[in-house]
């Protein structure tokens, strides 16, 4: 079972450096066409093919700590003993 993940970008903290987009292995991060309150074009998550694995490369590289990563935890098989 492949890991599934998602990210949340705090667009007001993002300064549009594009480092996160450059390291995303699934090209799921793009720069916005709009500006945030500080005048930067923030990153936005665009995982159209639902390929994010939650690798966290984007969050680790973000100098503004503007990215939170969430991973889906696979359910464990329940075994019963008698």
PDB file of N, CA and C in Angstrom:
ATOM      1  N   UNK A   1       0.840  -1.182   0.000  1.00  0.00           N
ATOM      2  CA  UNK A   1       0.000   0.000   0.000  1.00  0.00           C
ATOM      3  C   UNK A   1       0.885   1.246   0.000  1.00  0.00           C
ATOM      4  N   UNK A   2       0.654   2.115  -0.929  1.00  0.00           N
ATOM      5  CA  UNK A   2       1.443   3.343  -1.046  1.00  0.00           C
ATOM      6  C   UNK A   2       0.978   4.365  -0.019  1.00  0.00           C
ATOM      7  N   UNK A   3       1.920   5.090   0.526  1.00  0.00           N
ATOM      8  CA  UNK A   3       1.572   6.145   1.474  1.00  0.00           C
ATOM      9  C   UNK A   3       0.897   7.290   0.750  1.00  0.00           C
ATOM     10  N   UNK A   4      -0.076   7.875   1.392  1.00  0.00           N
ATOM     11  CA  UNK A   4      -0.753   9.048   0.851  1.00  0.00           C
ATOM     12  C   UNK A   4      -0.510  10.200   1.809  1.00  0.00           C
ATOM     13  N   UNK A   5      -0.349  11.369   1.260  1.00  0.00           N
ATOM     14  CA  UNK A   5      -0.119  12.540   2.085  1.00  0.00           C
ATOM     15  C   UNK A   5      -0.797  13.753   1.509  1.00  0.00           C
ATOM     16  N   UNK A   6      -0.727  14.813   2.277  1.00  0.00           N
ATOM     17  CA  UNK A   6      -1.210  16.110   1.816  1.00  0.00           C
ATOM     18  C   UNK A   6      -0.447  17.171   2.587  1.00  0.00           C
ATOM     19  N   UNK A   7      -0.413  18.358   2.037  1.00  0.00           N
ATOM     20  CA  UNK A   7       0.260  19.457   2.719  1.00  0.00           C
ATOM     21  C   UNK A   7      -0.692  20.635   2.837  1.00  0.00           C
ATOM     22  N   UNK A   8      -0.401  21.471   3.813  1.00  0.00           N
ATOM     23  CA  UNK A   8      -1.126  22.726   3.986  1.00  0.00           C
ATOM     24  C   UNK A   8      -0.074  23.824   4.011  1.00  0.00           C
ATOM     25  N   UNK A   9      -0.242  24.798   3.143  1.00  0.00           N
ATOM     26  CA  UNK A   9       0.715  25.907   3.042  1.00  0.00           C
ATOM     27  C   UNK A   9       0.101  27.148   3.661  1.00  0.00           C
ATOM     28  N   UNK A  10       0.810  27.750   4.604  1.00  0.00           N
ATOM     29  CA  UNK A  10       0.386  29.022   5.197  1.00  0.00           C
ATOM     30  C   UNK A  10       0.799  30.112   4.206  1.00  0.00           C
ATOM     31  N   UNK A  11      -0.139  30.523   3.377  1.00  0.00           N
ATOM     32  CA  UNK A  11       0.179  31.455   2.293  1.00  0.00           C
ATOM     33  C   UNK A  11       0.647  32.817   2.790  1.00  0.00           C
ATOM     34  N   UNK A  12       0.270  33.183   3.992  1.00  0.00           N
ATOM     35  CA  UNK A  12       0.720  34.478   4.521  1.00  0.00           C
ATOM     36  C   UNK A  12       2.159  34.431   5.016  1.00  0.00           C
ATOM     37  N   UNK A  13       2.673  33.259   5.352  1.00  0.00           N
ATOM     38  CA  UNK A  13       4.080  33.125   5.755  1.00  0.00           C
ATOM     39  C   UNK A  13       4.994  32.924   4.555  1.00  0.00           C
ATOM     40  N   UNK A  14       4.442  32.390   3.472  1.00  0.00           N
ATOM     41  CA  UNK A  14       5.227  32.060   2.278  1.00  0.00           C
ATOM     42  C   UNK A  14       5.746  33.326   1.598  1.00  0.00           C
ATOM     43  N   UNK A  15       7.038  33.300   1.233  1.00  0.00           N
ATOM     44  CA  UNK A  15       7.655  34.424   0.528  1.00  0.00           C
ATOM     45  C   UNK A  15       7.926  34.108  -0.938  1.00  0.00           C
ATOM     46  N   UNK A  16       7.355  33.010  -1.431  1.00  0.00           N
ATOM     47  CA  UNK A  16       7.452  32.704  -2.853  1.00  0.00           C
ATOM     48  C   UNK A  16       8.832  32.341  -3.354  1.00  0.00           C
ATOM     49  N   UNK A  17       9.652  31.734  -2.525  1.00  0.00           N
ATOM     50  CA  UNK A  17      11.026  31.412  -2.934  1.00  0.00           C
ATOM     51  C   UNK A  17      11.093  30.247  -3.921  1.00  0.00           C
ATOM     52  N   UNK A  18      10.048  29.455  -4.007  1.00  0.00           N
ATOM     53  CA  UNK A  18       9.926  28.330  -4.933  1.00  0.00           C
ATOM     54  C   UNK A  18      10.790  27.127  -4.579  1.00  0.00           C
ATOM     55  N   UNK A  19      11.437  27.121  -3.422  1.00  0.00           N
ATOM     56  CA  UNK A  19      12.257  25.971  -3.040  1.00  0.00           C
ATOM     57  C   UNK A  19      11.405  24.722  -2.893  1.00  0.00           C
ATOM     58  N   UNK A  20      10.220  24.857  -2.301  1.00  0.00           N
ATOM     59  CA  UNK A  20       9.343  23.695  -2.112  1.00  0.00           C
ATOM     60  C   UNK A  20       8.947  23.085  -3.453  1.00  0.00           C
ATOM     61  N   UNK A  21       8.606  23.921  -4.398  1.00  0.00           N
ATOM     62  CA  UNK A  21       8.202  23.441  -5.718  1.00  0.00           C
ATOM     63  C   UNK A  21       9.364  22.742  -6.426  1.00  0.00           C
ATOM     64  N   UNK A  22      10.564  23.204  -6.177  1.00  0.00           N
ATOM     65  CA  UNK A  22      11.721  22.620  -6.867  1.00  0.00           C
ATOM     66  C   UNK A  22      12.075  21.226  -6.356  1.00  0.00           C
ATOM     67  N   UNK A  23      11.672  20.872  -5.137  1.00  0.00           N
ATOM     68  CA  UNK A  23      12.026  19.561  -4.593  1.00  0.00           C
ATOM     69  C   UNK A  23      10.874  18.570  -4.578  1.00  0.00           C
ATOM     70  N   UNK A  24       9.682  18.988  -4.929  1.00  0.00           N
ATOM     71  CA  UNK A  24       8.534  18.076  -4.903  1.00  0.00           C
ATOM     72  C   UNK A  24       8.702  17.008  -5.987  1.00  0.00           C
ATOM     73  N   UNK A  25       8.799  15.730  -5.588  1.00  0.00           N
ATOM     74  CA  UNK A  25       9.018  14.676  -6.585  1.00  0.00           C
ATOM     75  C   UNK A  25       7.812  14.436  -7.496  1.00  0.00           C
ATOM     76  N   UNK A  26       6.661  14.961  -7.112  1.00  0.00           N
ATOM     77  CA  UNK A  26       5.446  14.749  -7.904  1.00  0.00           C
ATOM     78  C   UNK A  26       4.965  16.019  -8.600  1.00  0.00           C
ATOM     79  N   UNK A  27       5.762  17.072  -8.541  1.00  0.00           N
ATOM     80  CA  UNK A  27       5.440  18.367  -9.149  1.00  0.00           C
ATOM     81  C   UNK A  27       4.029  18.800  -8.733  1.00  0.00           C
ATOM     82  N   UNK A  28       3.760  18.689  -7.427  1.00  0.00           N
ATOM     83  CA  UNK A  28       2.431  18.982  -6.891  1.00  0.00           C
ATOM     84  C   UNK A  28       2.340  20.358  -6.239  1.00  0.00           C
ATOM     85  N   UNK A  29       3.400  21.151  -6.331  1.00  0.00           N
ATOM     86  CA  UNK A  29       3.395  22.490  -5.753  1.00  0.00           C
ATOM     87  C   UNK A  29       3.700  23.490  -6.859  1.00  0.00           C
ATOM     88  N   UNK A  30       2.847  24.494  -6.961  1.00  0.00           N
ATOM     89  CA  UNK A  30       3.003  25.536  -7.980  1.00  0.00           C
ATOM     90  C   UNK A  30       2.921  26.890  -7.291  1.00  0.00           C
ATOM     91  N   UNK A  31       3.343  27.905  -7.971  1.00  0.00           N
ATOM     92  CA  UNK A  31       3.247  29.244  -7.419  1.00  0.00           C
ATOM     93  C   UNK A  31       1.904  29.850  -7.819  1.00  0.00           C
ATOM     94  N   UNK A  32       1.299  30.544  -6.893  1.00  0.00           N
ATOM     95  CA  UNK A  32      -0.018  31.131  -7.100  1.00  0.00           C
ATOM     96  C   UNK A  32       0.022  32.281  -8.102  1.00  0.00           C
ATOM     97  N   UNK A  33      -1.101  32.541  -8.709  1.00  0.00           N
ATOM     98  CA  UNK A  33      -1.227  33.691  -9.600  1.00  0.00           C
ATOM     99  C   UNK A  33      -1.625  34.947  -8.825  1.00  0.00           C
ATOM    100  N   UNK A  34      -1.952  34.779  -7.548  1.00  0.00           N
ATOM    101  CA  UNK A  34      -2.370  35.906  -6.716  1.00  0.00           C
ATOM    102  C   UNK A  34      -1.282  36.226  -5.704  1.00  0.00           C
ATOM    103  N   UNK A  35      -1.394  37.380  -5.077  1.00  0.00           N
ATOM    104  CA  UNK A  35      -0.419  37.825  -4.084  1.00  0.00           C
ATOM    105  C   UNK A  35      -0.970  37.656  -2.672  1.00  0.00           C
ATOM    106  N   UNK A  36      -0.065  37.440  -1.710  1.00  0.00           N
ATOM    107  CA  UNK A  36      -0.498  37.446  -0.314  1.00  0.00           C
ATOM    108  C   UNK A  36      -0.410  38.880   0.217  1.00  0.00           C
ATOM    109  N   UNK A  37      -0.700  39.076   1.491  1.00  0.00           N
ATOM    110  CA  UNK A  37      -0.736  40.418   2.082  1.00  0.00           C
ATOM    111  C   UNK A  37       0.621  41.124   2.032  1.00  0.00           C
ATOM    112  N   UNK A  38       1.706  40.351   1.975  1.00  0.00           N
ATOM    113  CA  UNK A  38       3.049  40.940   1.932  1.00  0.00           C
ATOM    114  C   UNK A  38       3.529  41.207   0.503  1.00  0.00           C
ATOM    115  N   UNK A  39       2.712  40.852  -0.482  1.00  0.00           N
ATOM    116  CA  UNK A  39       3.073  41.115  -1.868  1.00  0.00           C
ATOM    117  C   UNK A  39       3.821  40.001  -2.569  1.00  0.00           C
ATOM    118  N   UNK A  40       3.883  38.821  -1.944  1.00  0.00           N
ATOM    119  CA  UNK A  40       4.560  37.673  -2.555  1.00  0.00           C
ATOM    120  C   UNK A  40       3.540  36.771  -3.240  1.00  0.00           C
ATOM    121  N   UNK A  41       3.999  36.049  -4.247  1.00  0.00           N
ATOM    122  CA  UNK A  41       3.175  35.005  -4.867  1.00  0.00           C
ATOM    123  C   UNK A  41       3.464  33.711  -4.113  1.00  0.00           C
ATOM    124  N   UNK A  42       2.556  33.282  -3.249  1.00  0.00           N
ATOM    125  CA  UNK A  42       2.833  32.106  -2.421  1.00  0.00           C
ATOM    126  C   UNK A  42       2.708  30.792  -3.184  1.00  0.00           C
ATOM    127  N   UNK A  43       3.282  29.784  -2.615  1.00  0.00           N
ATOM    128  CA  UNK A  43       3.146  28.436  -3.163  1.00  0.00           C
ATOM    129  C   UNK A  43       1.728  27.952  -2.908  1.00  0.00           C
ATOM    130  N   UNK A  44       1.267  27.067  -3.774  1.00  0.00           N
ATOM    131  CA  UNK A  44      -0.031  26.449  -3.547  1.00  0.00           C
ATOM    132  C   UNK A  44       0.052  24.977  -3.916  1.00  0.00           C
ATOM    133  N   UNK A  45      -0.672  24.164  -3.188  1.00  0.00           N
ATOM    134  CA  UNK A  45      -0.666  22.732  -3.414  1.00  0.00           C
ATOM    135  C   UNK A  45      -1.596  22.418  -4.562  1.00  0.00           C
ATOM    136  N   UNK A  46      -1.126  21.687  -5.540  1.00  0.00           N
ATOM    137  CA  UNK A  46      -1.915  21.361  -6.726  1.00  0.00           C
ATOM    138  C   UNK A  46      -1.696  19.897  -7.092  1.00  0.00           C
ATOM    139  N   UNK A  47      -1.991  19.016  -6.151  1.00  0.00           N
ATOM    140  CA  UNK A  47      -1.784  17.581  -6.353  1.00  0.00           C
ATOM    141  C   UNK A  47      -2.969  16.993  -7.108  1.00  0.00           C
ATOM    142  N   UNK A  48      -3.044  17.287  -8.395  1.00  0.00           N
ATOM    143  CA  UNK A  48      -4.182  16.885  -9.211  1.00  0.00           C
ATOM    144  C   UNK A  48      -4.315  15.378  -9.362  1.00  0.00           C
ATOM    145  N   UNK A  49      -3.213  14.659  -9.309  1.00  0.00           N
ATOM    146  CA  UNK A  49      -3.247  13.208  -9.486  1.00  0.00           C
ATOM    147  C   UNK A  49      -3.202  12.443  -8.168  1.00  0.00           C
ATOM    148  N   UNK A  50      -3.318  13.162  -7.057  1.00  0.00           N
ATOM    149  CA  UNK A  50      -3.323  12.546  -5.721  1.00  0.00           C
ATOM    150  C   UNK A  50      -2.099  11.647  -5.521  1.00  0.00           C
ATOM    151  N   UNK A  51      -0.919  12.184  -5.866  1.00  0.00           N
ATOM    152  CA  UNK A  51       0.320  11.417  -5.795  1.00  0.00           C
ATOM    153  C   UNK A  51       1.171  11.717  -4.564  1.00  0.00           C
ATOM    154  N   UNK A  52       0.807  12.728  -3.796  1.00  0.00           N
ATOM    155  CA  UNK A  52       1.616  13.113  -2.634  1.00  0.00           C
ATOM    156  C   UNK A  52       1.741  11.940  -1.663  1.00  0.00           C
ATOM    157  N   UNK A  53       2.969  11.678  -1.247  1.00  0.00           N
ATOM    158  CA  UNK A  53       3.233  10.601  -0.294  1.00  0.00           C
ATOM    159  C   UNK A  53       3.536  11.147   1.094  1.00  0.00           C
ATOM    160  N   UNK A  54       3.569  12.458   1.233  1.00  0.00           N
ATOM    161  CA  UNK A  54       3.910  13.057   2.518  1.00  0.00           C
ATOM    162  C   UNK A  54       5.382  12.942   2.822  1.00  0.00           C
ATOM    163  N   UNK A  55       6.216  12.990   1.808  1.00  0.00           N
ATOM    164  CA  UNK A  55       7.664  12.814   1.990  1.00  0.00           C
ATOM    165  C   UNK A  55       8.287  13.923   2.836  1.00  0.00           C
ATOM    166  N   UNK A  56       7.653  15.084   2.875  1.00  0.00           N
ATOM    167  CA  UNK A  56       8.064  16.236   3.676  1.00  0.00           C
ATOM    168  C   UNK A  56       9.287  16.970   3.149  1.00  0.00           C
ATOM    169  N   UNK A  57       9.742  16.664   1.950  1.00  0.00           N
ATOM    170  CA  UNK A  57      10.881  17.392   1.374  1.00  0.00           C
ATOM    171  C   UNK A  57      10.576  18.884   1.305  1.00  0.00           C
ATOM    172  N   UNK A  58       9.353  19.215   0.928  1.00  0.00           N
ATOM    173  CA  UNK A  58       8.966  20.619   0.804  1.00  0.00           C
ATOM    174  C   UNK A  58       9.037  21.337   2.149  1.00  0.00           C
ATOM    175  N   UNK A  59       8.514  20.699   3.185  1.00  0.00           N
ATOM    176  CA  UNK A  59       8.489  21.322   4.513  1.00  0.00           C
ATOM    177  C   UNK A  59       9.884  21.462   5.105  1.00  0.00           C
ATOM    178  N   UNK A  60      10.717  20.476   4.879  1.00  0.00           N
ATOM    179  CA  UNK A  60      12.090  20.522   5.405  1.00  0.00           C
ATOM    180  C   UNK A  60      12.866  21.666   4.774  1.00  0.00           C
ATOM    181  N   UNK A  61      12.650  21.900   3.503  1.00  0.00           N
ATOM    182  CA  UNK A  61      13.403  22.924   2.785  1.00  0.00           C
ATOM    183  C   UNK A  61      12.843  24.333   2.967  1.00  0.00           C
ATOM    184  N   UNK A  62      11.585  24.460   3.384  1.00  0.00           N
ATOM    185  CA  UNK A  62      10.943  25.769   3.486  1.00  0.00           C
ATOM    186  C   UNK A  62      11.610  26.631   4.566  1.00  0.00           C
ATOM    187  N   UNK A  63      12.229  27.748   4.178  1.00  0.00           N
ATOM    188  CA  UNK A  63      12.918  28.594   5.166  1.00  0.00           C
ATOM    189  C   UNK A  63      11.954  29.354   6.084  1.00  0.00           C
ATOM    190  N   UNK A  64      10.689  29.432   5.708  1.00  0.00           N
ATOM    191  CA  UNK A  64       9.705  30.158   6.502  1.00  0.00           C
ATOM    192  C   UNK A  64       8.848  29.239   7.377  1.00  0.00           C
ATOM    193  N   UNK A  65       9.086  27.935   7.320  1.00  0.00           N
ATOM    194  CA  UNK A  65       8.284  26.946   8.056  1.00  0.00           C
ATOM    195  C   UNK A  65       6.794  27.163   7.784  1.00  0.00           C
ATOM    196  N   UNK A  66       6.470  27.343   6.509  1.00  0.00           N
ATOM    197  CA  UNK A  66       5.098  27.654   6.112  1.00  0.00           C
ATOM    198  C   UNK A  66       4.329  26.425   5.642  1.00  0.00           C
ATOM    199  N   UNK A  67       4.924  25.239   5.731  1.00  0.00           N
ATOM    200  CA  UNK A  67       4.281  24.039   5.205  1.00  0.00           C
ATOM    201  C   UNK A  67       4.131  22.990   6.303  1.00  0.00           C
ATOM    202  N   UNK A  68       2.900  22.501   6.446  1.00  0.00           N
ATOM    203  CA  UNK A  68       2.620  21.376   7.348  1.00  0.00           C
ATOM    204  C   UNK A  68       2.306  20.161   6.482  1.00  0.00           C
ATOM    205  N   UNK A  69       2.839  19.018   6.876  1.00  0.00           N
ATOM    206  CA  UNK A  69       2.660  17.786   6.118  1.00  0.00           C
ATOM    207  C   UNK A  69       1.812  16.817   6.936  1.00  0.00           C
ATOM    208  N   UNK A  70       0.869  16.199   6.263  1.00  0.00           N
ATOM    209  CA  UNK A  70       0.011  15.194   6.892  1.00  0.00           C
ATOM    210  C   UNK A  70       0.126  13.905   6.092  1.00  0.00           C
ATOM    211  N   UNK A  71       0.253  12.787   6.806  1.00  0.00           N
ATOM    212  CA  UNK A  71       0.326  11.483   6.155  1.00  0.00           C
ATOM    213  C   UNK A  71      -0.847  10.624   6.603  1.00  0.00           C
ATOM    214  N   UNK A  72      -1.384   9.884   5.657  1.00  0.00           N
ATOM    215  CA  UNK A  72      -2.445   8.934   5.976  1.00  0.00           C
ATOM    216  C   UNK A  72      -1.794   7.732   6.642  1.00  0.00           C
ATOM    217  N   UNK A  73      -2.309   7.360   7.781  1.00  0.00           N
ATOM    218  CA  UNK A  73      -1.767   6.219   8.497  1.00  0.00           C
ATOM    219  C   UNK A  73      -2.539   4.976   8.058  1.00  0.00           C
ATOM    220  N   UNK A  74      -1.848   3.996   7.475  1.00  0.00           N
ATOM    221  CA  UNK A  74      -2.550   2.790   7.048  1.00  0.00           C
ATOM    222  C   UNK A  74      -3.125   2.044   8.253  1.00  0.00           C
ATOM    223  N   UNK A  75      -4.329   1.535   8.084  1.00  0.00           N
ATOM    224  CA  UNK A  75      -4.967   0.767   9.165  1.00  0.00           C
ATOM    225  C   UNK A  75      -4.225  -0.542   9.353  1.00  0.00           C
ATOM    226  N   UNK A  76      -4.044  -0.913  10.603  1.00  0.00           N
ATOM    227  CA  UNK A  76      -3.386  -2.177  10.892  1.00  0.00           C
ATOM    228  C   UNK A  76      -4.420  -3.294  10.905  1.00  0.00           C
ATOM    229  N   UNK A  77      -3.981  -4.416  10.467  1.00  0.00           N
ATOM    230  CA  UNK A  77      -4.870  -5.578  10.486  1.00  0.00           C
ATOM    231  C   UNK A  77      -5.061  -6.008  11.933  1.00  0.00           C
ATOM    232  N   UNK A  78      -6.283  -6.288  12.289  1.00  0.00           N
ATOM    233  CA  UNK A  78      -6.599  -6.706  13.649  1.00  0.00           C
ATOM    234  C   UNK A  78      -6.684  -8.226  13.678  1.00  0.00           C
ATOM    235  N   UNK A  79      -5.933  -8.805  14.572  1.00  0.00           N
ATOM    236  CA  UNK A  79      -5.985 -10.257  14.730  1.00  0.00           C
ATOM    237  C   UNK A  79      -6.543 -10.583  16.088  1.00  0.00           C
ATOM    238  N   UNK A  80      -7.289 -11.614  16.146  1.00  0.00           N
ATOM    239  CA  UNK A  80      -7.855 -12.033  17.432  1.00  0.00           C
ATOM    240  C   UNK A  80      -7.311 -13.397  17.788  1.00  0.00           C
ATOM    241  N   UNK A  81      -7.112 -13.602  19.056  1.00  0.00           N
ATOM    242  CA  UNK A  81      -6.643 -14.895  19.526  1.00  0.00           C
ATOM    243  C   UNK A  81      -7.665 -15.442  20.505  1.00  0.00           C
ATOM    244  N   UNK A  82      -7.848 -16.718  20.481  1.00  0.00           N
ATOM    245  CA  UNK A  82      -8.788 -17.338  21.414  1.00  0.00           C
ATOM    246  C   UNK A  82      -8.126 -18.402  22.215  1.00  0.00           C
TER     247      UNK A  82
END
